[in-house]
N, C-alpha and C. Protein backbone atom coordinates (compact mmCIF):
# COMPACT_ATOMS: atom_id res chain seq x y z
N MET A 1 0.83 -1.19 0.00
CA MET A 1 0.00 0.00 0.00
C MET A 1 0.87 1.25 0.00
N THR A 2 0.52 2.25 -0.82
CA THR A 2 1.37 3.41 -1.00
C THR A 2 0.95 4.59 -0.13
N SER A 3 -0.30 4.66 0.30
CA SER A 3 -0.75 5.81 1.06
C SER A 3 -0.90 5.44 2.53
N ASP A 4 -0.51 6.38 3.42
CA ASP A 4 -0.69 6.13 4.85
C ASP A 4 -2.01 6.69 5.35
N PHE A 5 -2.85 7.20 4.42
CA PHE A 5 -4.19 7.66 4.79
C PHE A 5 -5.20 7.12 3.79
N HIS A 6 -6.24 6.49 4.32
CA HIS A 6 -7.31 5.95 3.48
C HIS A 6 -8.52 6.88 3.56
N GLU A 7 -9.00 7.31 2.41
CA GLU A 7 -10.17 8.21 2.37
C GLU A 7 -11.46 7.40 2.54
N VAL A 8 -11.60 6.86 3.74
CA VAL A 8 -12.78 6.07 4.08
C VAL A 8 -13.16 6.41 5.51
N ARG A 9 -14.47 6.39 5.80
CA ARG A 9 -14.93 6.78 7.13
C ARG A 9 -15.15 5.57 8.01
N PHE A 10 -14.74 5.71 9.27
CA PHE A 10 -15.02 4.71 10.29
C PHE A 10 -16.53 4.47 10.36
N PRO A 11 -16.97 3.22 10.62
CA PRO A 11 -18.42 2.94 10.63
C PRO A 11 -19.22 3.99 11.41
N LEU A 12 -20.15 4.64 10.70
CA LEU A 12 -20.85 5.79 11.27
C LEU A 12 -21.70 5.42 12.47
N ASP A 13 -22.37 4.27 12.43
CA ASP A 13 -23.23 3.89 13.54
C ASP A 13 -22.43 3.68 14.82
N VAL A 14 -21.18 3.27 14.68
CA VAL A 14 -20.31 3.07 15.84
C VAL A 14 -19.77 4.42 16.34
N SER A 15 -19.34 5.27 15.42
CA SER A 15 -18.76 6.55 15.82
C SER A 15 -19.77 7.43 16.53
N LEU A 16 -21.05 7.31 16.19
CA LEU A 16 -22.07 8.13 16.83
C LEU A 16 -22.27 7.76 18.30
N GLY A 17 -21.80 6.59 18.71
CA GLY A 17 -21.91 6.19 20.11
C GLY A 17 -20.61 6.29 20.88
N SER A 18 -19.58 6.85 20.25
CA SER A 18 -18.27 6.93 20.88
C SER A 18 -18.20 8.12 21.83
N ARG A 19 -17.08 8.24 22.53
CA ARG A 19 -16.86 9.41 23.37
C ARG A 19 -15.44 9.93 23.14
N GLY A 20 -15.22 11.18 23.51
CA GLY A 20 -13.91 11.77 23.32
C GLY A 20 -14.02 13.24 23.00
N GLY A 21 -12.88 13.86 22.71
CA GLY A 21 -12.87 15.28 22.41
C GLY A 21 -11.45 15.81 22.38
N PRO A 22 -11.31 17.15 22.40
CA PRO A 22 -9.98 17.75 22.27
C PRO A 22 -9.10 17.55 23.50
N VAL A 23 -7.81 17.40 23.24
CA VAL A 23 -6.81 17.24 24.29
C VAL A 23 -5.72 18.29 24.06
N ARG A 24 -5.25 18.89 25.14
CA ARG A 24 -4.12 19.82 25.08
C ARG A 24 -3.07 19.39 26.08
N ARG A 25 -1.85 19.89 25.91
CA ARG A 25 -0.76 19.58 26.82
C ARG A 25 -0.20 20.90 27.37
N THR A 26 -0.31 21.07 28.68
CA THR A 26 0.13 22.30 29.33
C THR A 26 1.10 21.97 30.46
N ASP A 27 2.28 22.59 30.43
CA ASP A 27 3.25 22.46 31.53
C ASP A 27 2.95 23.54 32.56
N ILE A 28 2.87 23.14 33.83
CA ILE A 28 2.59 24.08 34.91
C ILE A 28 3.68 23.98 35.97
N VAL A 29 4.31 25.10 36.27
CA VAL A 29 5.34 25.17 37.31
C VAL A 29 4.81 26.05 38.43
N ALA A 30 4.65 25.46 39.63
CA ALA A 30 4.18 26.21 40.78
C ALA A 30 5.37 26.88 41.48
N LEU A 31 5.30 28.18 41.65
CA LEU A 31 6.37 28.94 42.30
C LEU A 31 6.15 28.99 43.81
N SER A 32 7.20 29.31 44.55
CA SER A 32 7.09 29.38 46.01
C SER A 32 6.12 30.45 46.45
N SER A 33 5.88 31.45 45.59
CA SER A 33 4.93 32.51 45.92
C SER A 33 3.48 32.07 45.79
N GLY A 34 3.30 30.91 45.20
CA GLY A 34 1.94 30.43 44.95
C GLY A 34 1.46 30.73 43.55
N ARG A 35 2.18 31.56 42.83
CA ARG A 35 1.83 31.83 41.45
C ARG A 35 2.28 30.66 40.55
N GLU A 36 1.77 30.65 39.33
CA GLU A 36 2.10 29.58 38.40
C GLU A 36 2.65 30.15 37.11
N HIS A 37 3.56 29.39 36.51
CA HIS A 37 3.99 29.63 35.14
C HIS A 37 3.39 28.51 34.29
N ARG A 38 2.63 28.88 33.28
CA ARG A 38 1.97 27.90 32.43
C ARG A 38 2.44 28.05 30.99
N ASN A 39 2.74 26.93 30.35
CA ASN A 39 3.23 26.95 28.98
C ASN A 39 2.57 25.82 28.18
N SER A 40 2.03 26.17 27.03
CA SER A 40 1.39 25.16 26.18
C SER A 40 2.44 24.44 25.36
N ARG A 41 2.48 23.11 25.46
CA ARG A 41 3.45 22.31 24.71
C ARG A 41 3.03 22.11 23.27
N TRP A 42 1.73 22.18 22.99
CA TRP A 42 1.21 21.99 21.64
C TRP A 42 0.64 23.30 21.12
N ALA A 43 0.90 23.60 19.85
CA ALA A 43 0.32 24.80 19.23
C ALA A 43 -1.19 24.66 19.07
N GLY A 44 -1.65 23.45 18.84
CA GLY A 44 -3.08 23.20 18.68
C GLY A 44 -3.54 22.03 19.52
N SER A 45 -4.83 21.81 19.53
CA SER A 45 -5.38 20.68 20.27
C SER A 45 -5.33 19.42 19.40
N ARG A 46 -5.55 18.29 20.04
CA ARG A 46 -5.56 17.01 19.33
C ARG A 46 -6.71 16.18 19.89
N ARG A 47 -7.54 15.64 19.02
CA ARG A 47 -8.70 14.87 19.47
C ARG A 47 -8.33 13.43 19.78
N ARG A 48 -8.93 12.92 20.85
CA ARG A 48 -8.84 11.50 21.19
C ARG A 48 -10.25 10.96 21.36
N TYR A 49 -10.46 9.71 20.96
CA TYR A 49 -11.77 9.09 21.05
C TYR A 49 -11.64 7.64 21.52
N ASP A 50 -12.70 7.15 22.12
CA ASP A 50 -12.84 5.72 22.41
C ASP A 50 -14.09 5.26 21.67
N ALA A 51 -13.88 4.51 20.58
CA ALA A 51 -15.00 4.07 19.75
C ALA A 51 -15.69 2.84 20.32
N GLY A 52 -15.11 2.23 21.36
CA GLY A 52 -15.70 1.00 21.90
C GLY A 52 -17.10 1.20 22.43
N LEU A 53 -17.41 2.38 22.94
CA LEU A 53 -18.74 2.64 23.50
C LEU A 53 -19.85 2.55 22.45
N GLY A 54 -19.47 2.70 21.18
CA GLY A 54 -20.49 2.66 20.13
C GLY A 54 -20.81 1.27 19.62
N ILE A 55 -20.10 0.27 20.11
CA ILE A 55 -20.35 -1.11 19.65
C ILE A 55 -21.39 -1.76 20.53
N ARG A 56 -22.54 -2.04 19.97
CA ARG A 56 -23.66 -2.62 20.73
C ARG A 56 -24.03 -4.03 20.30
N THR A 57 -23.58 -4.44 19.11
CA THR A 57 -23.94 -5.76 18.60
C THR A 57 -22.71 -6.49 18.11
N ILE A 58 -22.82 -7.79 17.97
CA ILE A 58 -21.70 -8.59 17.48
C ILE A 58 -21.40 -8.24 16.02
N ASP A 59 -22.44 -7.85 15.25
CA ASP A 59 -22.22 -7.45 13.86
C ASP A 59 -21.41 -6.15 13.78
N ALA A 60 -21.70 -5.21 14.68
CA ALA A 60 -20.92 -3.97 14.71
C ALA A 60 -19.48 -4.26 15.10
N LEU A 61 -19.29 -5.17 16.03
CA LEU A 61 -17.95 -5.56 16.44
C LEU A 61 -17.19 -6.18 15.26
N HIS A 62 -17.87 -7.02 14.52
CA HIS A 62 -17.27 -7.65 13.34
C HIS A 62 -16.85 -6.60 12.33
N ALA A 63 -17.69 -5.59 12.11
CA ALA A 63 -17.38 -4.53 11.14
C ALA A 63 -16.15 -3.74 11.57
N VAL A 64 -16.03 -3.48 12.88
CA VAL A 64 -14.88 -2.73 13.37
C VAL A 64 -13.60 -3.56 13.25
N ILE A 65 -13.68 -4.85 13.52
CA ILE A 65 -12.51 -5.72 13.37
C ILE A 65 -12.03 -5.71 11.92
N ALA A 66 -12.99 -5.81 10.98
CA ALA A 66 -12.64 -5.78 9.56
C ALA A 66 -11.99 -4.45 9.19
N PHE A 67 -12.53 -3.35 9.73
CA PHE A 67 -11.99 -2.02 9.46
C PHE A 67 -10.57 -1.90 10.02
N PHE A 68 -10.38 -2.42 11.23
CA PHE A 68 -9.06 -2.41 11.88
C PHE A 68 -8.04 -3.19 11.05
N GLU A 69 -8.43 -4.36 10.58
CA GLU A 69 -7.52 -5.20 9.80
C GLU A 69 -7.14 -4.52 8.48
N GLU A 70 -8.12 -3.89 7.83
CA GLU A 70 -7.82 -3.23 6.55
C GLU A 70 -6.91 -2.03 6.74
N ARG A 71 -7.00 -1.38 7.90
CA ARG A 71 -6.10 -0.25 8.20
C ARG A 71 -4.74 -0.73 8.71
N ARG A 72 -4.61 -2.02 8.94
CA ARG A 72 -3.37 -2.60 9.48
C ARG A 72 -3.03 -2.01 10.85
N GLY A 73 -4.03 -1.90 11.70
CA GLY A 73 -3.80 -1.33 13.02
C GLY A 73 -3.51 0.16 12.93
N ARG A 74 -2.37 0.58 13.46
CA ARG A 74 -2.01 1.99 13.49
C ARG A 74 -1.40 2.52 12.19
N LEU A 75 -1.26 1.64 11.19
CA LEU A 75 -0.50 2.00 10.00
C LEU A 75 -1.15 3.07 9.15
N HIS A 76 -2.46 2.95 8.91
CA HIS A 76 -3.14 3.86 7.99
C HIS A 76 -4.19 4.70 8.72
N GLY A 77 -4.21 5.99 8.41
CA GLY A 77 -5.23 6.88 8.95
C GLY A 77 -6.54 6.74 8.20
N PHE A 78 -7.59 7.36 8.73
CA PHE A 78 -8.91 7.29 8.12
C PHE A 78 -9.78 8.42 8.67
N ARG A 79 -10.97 8.56 8.13
CA ARG A 79 -11.91 9.60 8.54
C ARG A 79 -12.77 9.13 9.71
N PHE A 80 -13.12 10.09 10.56
CA PHE A 80 -13.96 9.77 11.72
C PHE A 80 -14.95 10.91 11.93
N ARG A 81 -16.22 10.57 12.14
CA ARG A 81 -17.25 11.57 12.40
C ARG A 81 -17.36 11.83 13.90
N ASP A 82 -17.03 13.05 14.30
CA ASP A 82 -17.17 13.48 15.70
C ASP A 82 -18.59 14.01 15.86
N ARG A 83 -19.43 13.31 16.57
CA ARG A 83 -20.85 13.68 16.64
C ARG A 83 -21.09 15.01 17.32
N THR A 84 -20.12 15.53 18.08
CA THR A 84 -20.29 16.81 18.76
C THR A 84 -19.72 17.98 17.96
N ASP A 85 -18.96 17.70 16.90
CA ASP A 85 -18.27 18.77 16.19
C ASP A 85 -17.95 18.31 14.78
N TRP A 86 -18.92 18.46 13.87
CA TRP A 86 -18.69 17.98 12.50
C TRP A 86 -19.21 18.94 11.44
N ARG A 87 -19.59 20.14 11.87
CA ARG A 87 -20.04 21.16 10.93
C ARG A 87 -19.37 22.49 11.23
N SER A 88 -19.38 23.39 10.25
CA SER A 88 -18.76 24.70 10.42
C SER A 88 -19.49 25.55 11.45
N GLY A 89 -20.75 25.25 11.69
CA GLY A 89 -21.54 25.89 12.73
C GLY A 89 -21.95 24.85 13.75
N PRO A 90 -23.03 25.09 14.49
CA PRO A 90 -23.52 24.09 15.44
C PRO A 90 -23.91 22.79 14.73
N PRO A 91 -23.75 21.64 15.41
CA PRO A 91 -24.10 20.36 14.77
C PRO A 91 -25.56 20.27 14.31
N SER A 92 -26.45 21.04 14.94
CA SER A 92 -27.86 20.98 14.59
C SER A 92 -28.24 21.86 13.39
N LYS A 93 -27.28 22.66 12.90
CA LYS A 93 -27.57 23.60 11.81
C LYS A 93 -26.86 23.20 10.53
N ASP A 94 -27.56 23.30 9.41
CA ASP A 94 -26.92 23.05 8.12
C ASP A 94 -25.89 24.14 7.84
N PRO A 95 -24.77 23.79 7.21
CA PRO A 95 -23.75 24.79 6.90
C PRO A 95 -24.29 25.89 5.98
N THR A 96 -23.85 27.12 6.22
CA THR A 96 -24.16 28.25 5.35
C THR A 96 -22.83 28.82 4.84
N PRO A 97 -22.84 29.53 3.73
CA PRO A 97 -21.58 30.06 3.19
C PRO A 97 -20.97 31.18 4.03
N LEU A 98 -21.66 31.60 5.09
CA LEU A 98 -21.16 32.68 5.93
C LEU A 98 -20.65 32.20 7.28
N ASP A 99 -20.57 30.90 7.49
CA ASP A 99 -20.25 30.35 8.82
C ASP A 99 -18.87 30.74 9.32
N GLN A 100 -17.85 30.57 8.48
CA GLN A 100 -16.46 30.76 8.92
C GLN A 100 -15.70 31.65 7.95
N ARG A 101 -14.94 32.57 8.51
CA ARG A 101 -14.06 33.40 7.67
C ARG A 101 -12.78 32.62 7.41
N ILE A 102 -12.46 32.40 6.14
CA ILE A 102 -11.27 31.60 5.80
C ILE A 102 -10.16 32.43 5.15
N GLY A 103 -10.40 33.72 4.93
CA GLY A 103 -9.34 34.53 4.35
C GLY A 103 -9.81 35.87 3.85
N THR A 104 -8.86 36.65 3.35
CA THR A 104 -9.12 37.95 2.76
C THR A 104 -8.41 38.00 1.41
N GLY A 105 -9.12 38.40 0.39
CA GLY A 105 -8.54 38.44 -0.94
C GLY A 105 -7.45 39.50 -1.07
N ASN A 106 -6.47 39.22 -1.95
CA ASN A 106 -5.43 40.20 -2.24
C ASN A 106 -5.31 40.48 -3.74
N GLY A 107 -6.27 39.94 -4.50
CA GLY A 107 -6.26 40.14 -5.94
C GLY A 107 -5.37 39.19 -6.70
N GLN A 108 -4.63 38.34 -5.97
CA GLN A 108 -3.71 37.41 -6.63
C GLN A 108 -3.92 35.96 -6.20
N SER A 109 -4.12 35.74 -4.91
CA SER A 109 -4.26 34.37 -4.40
C SER A 109 -5.59 33.76 -4.80
N VAL A 110 -5.54 32.51 -5.22
CA VAL A 110 -6.76 31.79 -5.59
C VAL A 110 -7.04 30.64 -4.64
N SER A 111 -6.08 30.30 -3.75
CA SER A 111 -6.21 29.14 -2.87
C SER A 111 -6.34 29.59 -1.41
N PHE A 112 -7.32 29.02 -0.70
CA PHE A 112 -7.54 29.33 0.70
C PHE A 112 -7.93 28.06 1.44
N PRO A 113 -7.21 27.71 2.52
CA PRO A 113 -7.55 26.50 3.27
C PRO A 113 -8.77 26.72 4.17
N LEU A 114 -9.55 25.69 4.33
CA LEU A 114 -10.68 25.76 5.25
C LEU A 114 -10.19 25.78 6.69
N VAL A 115 -10.83 26.60 7.51
CA VAL A 115 -10.54 26.66 8.94
C VAL A 115 -11.85 26.82 9.69
N LYS A 116 -11.79 26.47 10.97
CA LYS A 116 -12.93 26.69 11.86
C LYS A 116 -12.42 27.39 13.11
N ALA A 117 -13.07 28.50 13.48
CA ALA A 117 -12.67 29.28 14.65
C ALA A 117 -13.48 28.86 15.87
N TYR A 118 -12.80 28.76 17.01
CA TYR A 118 -13.44 28.44 18.29
C TYR A 118 -13.21 29.63 19.23
N GLY A 119 -14.28 30.13 19.82
CA GLY A 119 -14.17 31.31 20.67
C GLY A 119 -14.51 32.56 19.88
N SER A 120 -14.35 33.72 20.54
CA SER A 120 -14.72 34.97 19.88
C SER A 120 -13.58 35.98 19.92
N SER A 121 -13.77 37.07 20.64
CA SER A 121 -12.83 38.18 20.54
C SER A 121 -11.61 38.05 21.44
N PHE A 122 -11.66 37.24 22.51
CA PHE A 122 -10.56 37.25 23.48
C PHE A 122 -9.34 36.49 22.97
N ALA A 123 -9.49 35.21 22.71
CA ALA A 123 -8.37 34.41 22.23
C ALA A 123 -8.88 33.27 21.37
N PRO A 124 -9.50 33.57 20.23
CA PRO A 124 -10.06 32.50 19.40
C PRO A 124 -8.98 31.55 18.88
N TYR A 125 -9.36 30.30 18.75
CA TYR A 125 -8.46 29.27 18.24
C TYR A 125 -8.90 28.89 16.84
N SER A 126 -7.97 28.90 15.89
CA SER A 126 -8.27 28.57 14.50
C SER A 126 -7.79 27.16 14.20
N ARG A 127 -8.71 26.31 13.83
CA ARG A 127 -8.41 24.90 13.57
C ARG A 127 -8.44 24.63 12.07
N SER A 128 -7.41 24.03 11.54
CA SER A 128 -7.37 23.66 10.13
C SER A 128 -8.32 22.49 9.88
N ILE A 129 -9.06 22.58 8.80
CA ILE A 129 -10.00 21.52 8.42
C ILE A 129 -9.49 20.88 7.13
N ALA A 130 -8.92 19.70 7.25
CA ALA A 130 -8.28 19.05 6.11
C ALA A 130 -9.17 18.00 5.43
N LYS A 131 -10.27 17.61 6.11
CA LYS A 131 -11.09 16.55 5.56
C LYS A 131 -12.57 16.96 5.50
N PRO A 132 -12.88 17.97 4.66
CA PRO A 132 -14.30 18.31 4.50
C PRO A 132 -15.05 17.18 3.79
N VAL A 133 -16.35 17.15 3.99
CA VAL A 133 -17.18 16.15 3.32
C VAL A 133 -17.52 16.66 1.94
N GLY A 134 -17.20 15.88 0.93
CA GLY A 134 -17.46 16.29 -0.45
C GLY A 134 -18.91 16.66 -0.69
N GLY A 135 -19.12 17.76 -1.40
CA GLY A 135 -20.46 18.21 -1.74
C GLY A 135 -21.12 19.08 -0.69
N THR A 136 -20.47 19.30 0.45
CA THR A 136 -21.08 20.12 1.50
C THR A 136 -20.50 21.52 1.58
N VAL A 137 -19.38 21.78 0.89
CA VAL A 137 -18.68 23.06 1.03
C VAL A 137 -19.42 24.16 0.26
N ARG A 138 -19.71 25.25 0.98
CA ARG A 138 -20.32 26.43 0.39
C ARG A 138 -19.41 27.63 0.67
N VAL A 139 -19.21 28.48 -0.33
CA VAL A 139 -18.25 29.58 -0.22
C VAL A 139 -18.89 30.88 -0.67
N ALA A 140 -18.55 31.96 0.02
CA ALA A 140 -19.03 33.29 -0.35
C ALA A 140 -17.87 34.27 -0.38
N VAL A 141 -17.97 35.26 -1.26
CA VAL A 141 -17.01 36.37 -1.34
C VAL A 141 -17.78 37.65 -1.09
N ASN A 142 -17.42 38.34 -0.03
CA ASN A 142 -18.16 39.55 0.39
C ASN A 142 -19.65 39.27 0.53
N GLY A 143 -19.97 38.09 1.07
CA GLY A 143 -21.36 37.74 1.34
C GLY A 143 -22.13 37.19 0.17
N ILE A 144 -21.51 37.11 -1.00
CA ILE A 144 -22.19 36.59 -2.20
C ILE A 144 -21.72 35.17 -2.44
N GLU A 145 -22.67 34.22 -2.39
CA GLU A 145 -22.30 32.82 -2.56
C GLU A 145 -21.79 32.54 -3.96
N GLN A 146 -20.72 31.75 -4.04
CA GLN A 146 -20.10 31.38 -5.30
C GLN A 146 -20.58 30.01 -5.76
N SER A 147 -20.59 29.79 -7.05
CA SER A 147 -21.06 28.53 -7.61
C SER A 147 -19.93 27.51 -7.63
N VAL A 148 -20.27 26.28 -7.23
CA VAL A 148 -19.29 25.20 -7.30
C VAL A 148 -18.98 24.92 -8.76
N GLY A 149 -17.73 24.76 -9.09
CA GLY A 149 -17.32 24.48 -10.46
C GLY A 149 -16.93 25.73 -11.20
N SER A 150 -17.89 26.60 -11.48
CA SER A 150 -17.57 27.82 -12.23
C SER A 150 -16.91 28.88 -11.35
N GLY A 151 -17.26 28.89 -10.06
CA GLY A 151 -16.69 29.89 -9.16
C GLY A 151 -15.54 29.37 -8.32
N PHE A 152 -15.67 28.14 -7.84
CA PHE A 152 -14.62 27.56 -6.99
C PHE A 152 -14.76 26.04 -6.97
N ASN A 153 -13.73 25.40 -6.50
CA ASN A 153 -13.75 23.98 -6.19
C ASN A 153 -13.04 23.77 -4.86
N CYS A 154 -13.38 22.69 -4.17
CA CYS A 154 -12.72 22.37 -2.91
C CYS A 154 -12.26 20.92 -2.95
N ASP A 155 -11.02 20.71 -2.63
CA ASP A 155 -10.46 19.36 -2.60
C ASP A 155 -10.84 18.71 -1.27
N PRO A 156 -11.68 17.67 -1.29
CA PRO A 156 -12.12 17.05 -0.04
C PRO A 156 -11.02 16.27 0.68
N THR A 157 -9.88 16.07 0.03
CA THR A 157 -8.78 15.35 0.68
C THR A 157 -7.79 16.28 1.38
N THR A 158 -7.89 17.59 1.11
CA THR A 158 -6.97 18.55 1.73
C THR A 158 -7.67 19.72 2.40
N GLY A 159 -8.92 20.00 2.01
CA GLY A 159 -9.63 21.16 2.54
C GLY A 159 -9.22 22.46 1.89
N LEU A 160 -8.61 22.41 0.73
CA LEU A 160 -8.15 23.61 0.04
C LEU A 160 -9.22 24.09 -0.94
N VAL A 161 -9.66 25.35 -0.76
CA VAL A 161 -10.61 25.99 -1.66
C VAL A 161 -9.82 26.70 -2.76
N ILE A 162 -10.16 26.43 -4.02
CA ILE A 162 -9.46 27.04 -5.15
C ILE A 162 -10.48 27.76 -6.02
N PHE A 163 -10.29 29.07 -6.17
CA PHE A 163 -11.20 29.89 -6.96
C PHE A 163 -10.80 29.87 -8.43
N ALA A 164 -11.80 30.03 -9.29
CA ALA A 164 -11.53 30.12 -10.72
C ALA A 164 -10.81 31.42 -11.05
N ALA A 165 -11.10 32.48 -10.28
CA ALA A 165 -10.41 33.77 -10.43
C ALA A 165 -10.13 34.31 -9.04
N ALA A 166 -9.01 34.99 -8.88
CA ALA A 166 -8.61 35.50 -7.57
C ALA A 166 -9.63 36.51 -7.04
N PRO A 167 -10.10 36.34 -5.80
CA PRO A 167 -10.98 37.34 -5.20
C PRO A 167 -10.28 38.69 -5.12
N PRO A 168 -11.01 39.79 -5.26
CA PRO A 168 -10.37 41.11 -5.25
C PRO A 168 -9.75 41.44 -3.90
N ALA A 169 -8.82 42.38 -3.90
CA ALA A 169 -8.14 42.78 -2.68
C ALA A 169 -9.15 43.30 -1.66
N GLY A 170 -9.01 42.80 -0.43
CA GLY A 170 -9.89 43.23 0.65
C GLY A 170 -11.18 42.45 0.76
N ALA A 171 -11.48 41.58 -0.19
CA ALA A 171 -12.72 40.80 -0.16
C ALA A 171 -12.70 39.80 0.99
N ILE A 172 -13.80 39.71 1.72
CA ILE A 172 -13.92 38.77 2.82
C ILE A 172 -14.41 37.43 2.28
N ILE A 173 -13.65 36.40 2.54
CA ILE A 173 -13.97 35.07 2.03
C ILE A 173 -14.45 34.20 3.19
N THR A 174 -15.63 33.65 3.05
CA THR A 174 -16.24 32.82 4.10
C THR A 174 -16.66 31.48 3.52
N ALA A 175 -16.89 30.53 4.41
CA ALA A 175 -17.26 29.18 3.96
C ALA A 175 -18.06 28.45 5.03
N GLY A 176 -18.84 27.51 4.59
CA GLY A 176 -19.55 26.58 5.47
C GLY A 176 -19.34 25.18 4.95
N PHE A 177 -19.35 24.19 5.84
CA PHE A 177 -18.99 22.84 5.41
C PHE A 177 -19.29 21.84 6.52
N ALA A 178 -19.39 20.59 6.14
CA ALA A 178 -19.34 19.47 7.08
C ALA A 178 -17.95 18.86 6.95
N PHE A 179 -17.47 18.20 8.00
CA PHE A 179 -16.11 17.67 7.93
C PHE A 179 -15.94 16.45 8.82
N ASP A 180 -14.93 15.67 8.50
CA ASP A 180 -14.51 14.53 9.31
C ASP A 180 -13.19 14.86 9.99
N VAL A 181 -12.84 14.08 10.99
CA VAL A 181 -11.56 14.23 11.68
C VAL A 181 -10.61 13.14 11.17
N PRO A 182 -9.40 13.51 10.73
CA PRO A 182 -8.43 12.48 10.33
C PRO A 182 -7.84 11.83 11.59
N VAL A 183 -7.98 10.53 11.69
CA VAL A 183 -7.52 9.81 12.87
C VAL A 183 -6.81 8.51 12.45
N ARG A 184 -6.27 7.84 13.43
CA ARG A 184 -5.76 6.47 13.27
C ARG A 184 -6.09 5.71 14.53
N PHE A 185 -6.00 4.40 14.47
CA PHE A 185 -6.11 3.60 15.69
C PHE A 185 -4.90 3.90 16.56
N ASP A 186 -5.11 3.99 17.86
CA ASP A 186 -4.00 4.24 18.78
C ASP A 186 -3.58 2.95 19.47
N THR A 187 -3.73 1.86 18.76
CA THR A 187 -3.31 0.55 19.25
C THR A 187 -3.10 -0.37 18.06
N ASP A 188 -2.22 -1.33 18.21
CA ASP A 188 -2.03 -2.37 17.20
C ASP A 188 -2.68 -3.68 17.62
N GLU A 189 -3.47 -3.62 18.67
CA GLU A 189 -4.09 -4.84 19.20
C GLU A 189 -5.50 -4.56 19.66
N LEU A 190 -6.46 -5.35 19.19
CA LEU A 190 -7.82 -5.30 19.69
C LEU A 190 -8.04 -6.50 20.60
N ASP A 191 -8.17 -6.23 21.88
CA ASP A 191 -8.32 -7.30 22.87
C ASP A 191 -9.81 -7.47 23.15
N ILE A 192 -10.43 -8.43 22.45
CA ILE A 192 -11.88 -8.64 22.54
C ILE A 192 -12.17 -9.91 23.32
N ASP A 193 -12.94 -9.78 24.38
CA ASP A 193 -13.39 -10.93 25.18
C ASP A 193 -14.89 -11.07 24.96
N LEU A 194 -15.28 -12.06 24.16
CA LEU A 194 -16.70 -12.21 23.83
C LEU A 194 -17.54 -12.53 25.06
N PHE A 195 -16.97 -13.19 26.05
CA PHE A 195 -17.74 -13.50 27.25
C PHE A 195 -18.16 -12.21 27.96
N THR A 196 -17.21 -11.30 28.15
CA THR A 196 -17.56 -10.03 28.81
C THR A 196 -18.40 -9.16 27.90
N PHE A 197 -18.19 -9.26 26.58
CA PHE A 197 -18.99 -8.46 25.64
C PHE A 197 -20.45 -8.88 25.72
N ASP A 198 -20.70 -10.18 25.73
CA ASP A 198 -22.08 -10.67 25.83
C ASP A 198 -22.72 -10.30 27.16
N ALA A 199 -21.87 -10.08 28.17
CA ALA A 199 -22.38 -9.71 29.49
C ALA A 199 -22.52 -8.20 29.66
N GLY A 200 -22.26 -7.45 28.58
CA GLY A 200 -22.39 -6.00 28.65
C GLY A 200 -21.09 -5.25 28.72
N GLY A 201 -19.96 -5.96 28.68
CA GLY A 201 -18.66 -5.31 28.70
C GLY A 201 -18.39 -4.57 27.40
N ILE A 202 -17.65 -3.48 27.49
CA ILE A 202 -17.37 -2.65 26.32
C ILE A 202 -15.88 -2.69 26.00
N PRO A 203 -15.51 -3.11 24.80
CA PRO A 203 -14.08 -3.13 24.44
C PRO A 203 -13.55 -1.72 24.28
N GLN A 204 -12.26 -1.53 24.54
CA GLN A 204 -11.63 -0.23 24.32
C GLN A 204 -11.04 -0.18 22.91
N ILE A 205 -11.43 0.84 22.15
CA ILE A 205 -10.92 1.02 20.80
C ILE A 205 -10.46 2.47 20.69
N PRO A 206 -9.21 2.75 21.09
CA PRO A 206 -8.74 4.13 21.11
C PRO A 206 -8.38 4.64 19.72
N LEU A 207 -8.76 5.89 19.44
CA LEU A 207 -8.42 6.58 18.21
C LEU A 207 -7.77 7.90 18.57
N ILE A 208 -6.87 8.39 17.70
CA ILE A 208 -6.22 9.66 17.94
C ILE A 208 -6.12 10.46 16.65
N GLU A 209 -6.34 11.76 16.75
CA GLU A 209 -6.27 12.64 15.58
C GLU A 209 -4.84 12.73 15.06
N ILE A 210 -4.73 12.82 13.74
CA ILE A 210 -3.43 12.92 13.09
C ILE A 210 -3.43 14.08 12.10
N VAL A 211 -2.24 14.45 11.64
CA VAL A 211 -2.11 15.39 10.54
C VAL A 211 -1.90 14.56 9.28
N PRO A 212 -2.88 14.52 8.40
CA PRO A 212 -2.77 13.63 7.22
C PRO A 212 -1.77 14.14 6.20
């Protein structure tokens, strides 16, 4: 196999029952005065999930084992639907072309990566979106929605929006989209005990976000 990322989504019915979310790494040094020095070790957050909670039937377990084998354990990444955060706006709202600001035109650039902002005016965090869902991306320039194909295209494998013509200088470029999280298995071993599974036990299936 030549690619370390497979453009395939983890079984959706299982991912919808999983748990997890963003993780950060912060070093904290407590001083004798009682004050603290805090330093972030990571520039951005990283998502972790446990997909085992979403497995309710032996058929679902079988599907996950097959998926694990095809990914060769930790070797190949894949797409994962985070049920709490998978749209440019709230999960309950369909994406609109005004959801997220992704750039400002300069009259020359035609390429703009998708991003999603968290927070508002104090210290918003901008997250790169590399795995949008094909067919869901909507883009506007100065509030005017652009047509897919004639106005722009978006690569669903990279999240890069490419315009047919460069937006004018100062133009506000916005976008709305659905997206998946690029992840991999965080284990090379699935330890499944069918006796405990039949008794209600839940296997651990750890996943971790990656940069594809």
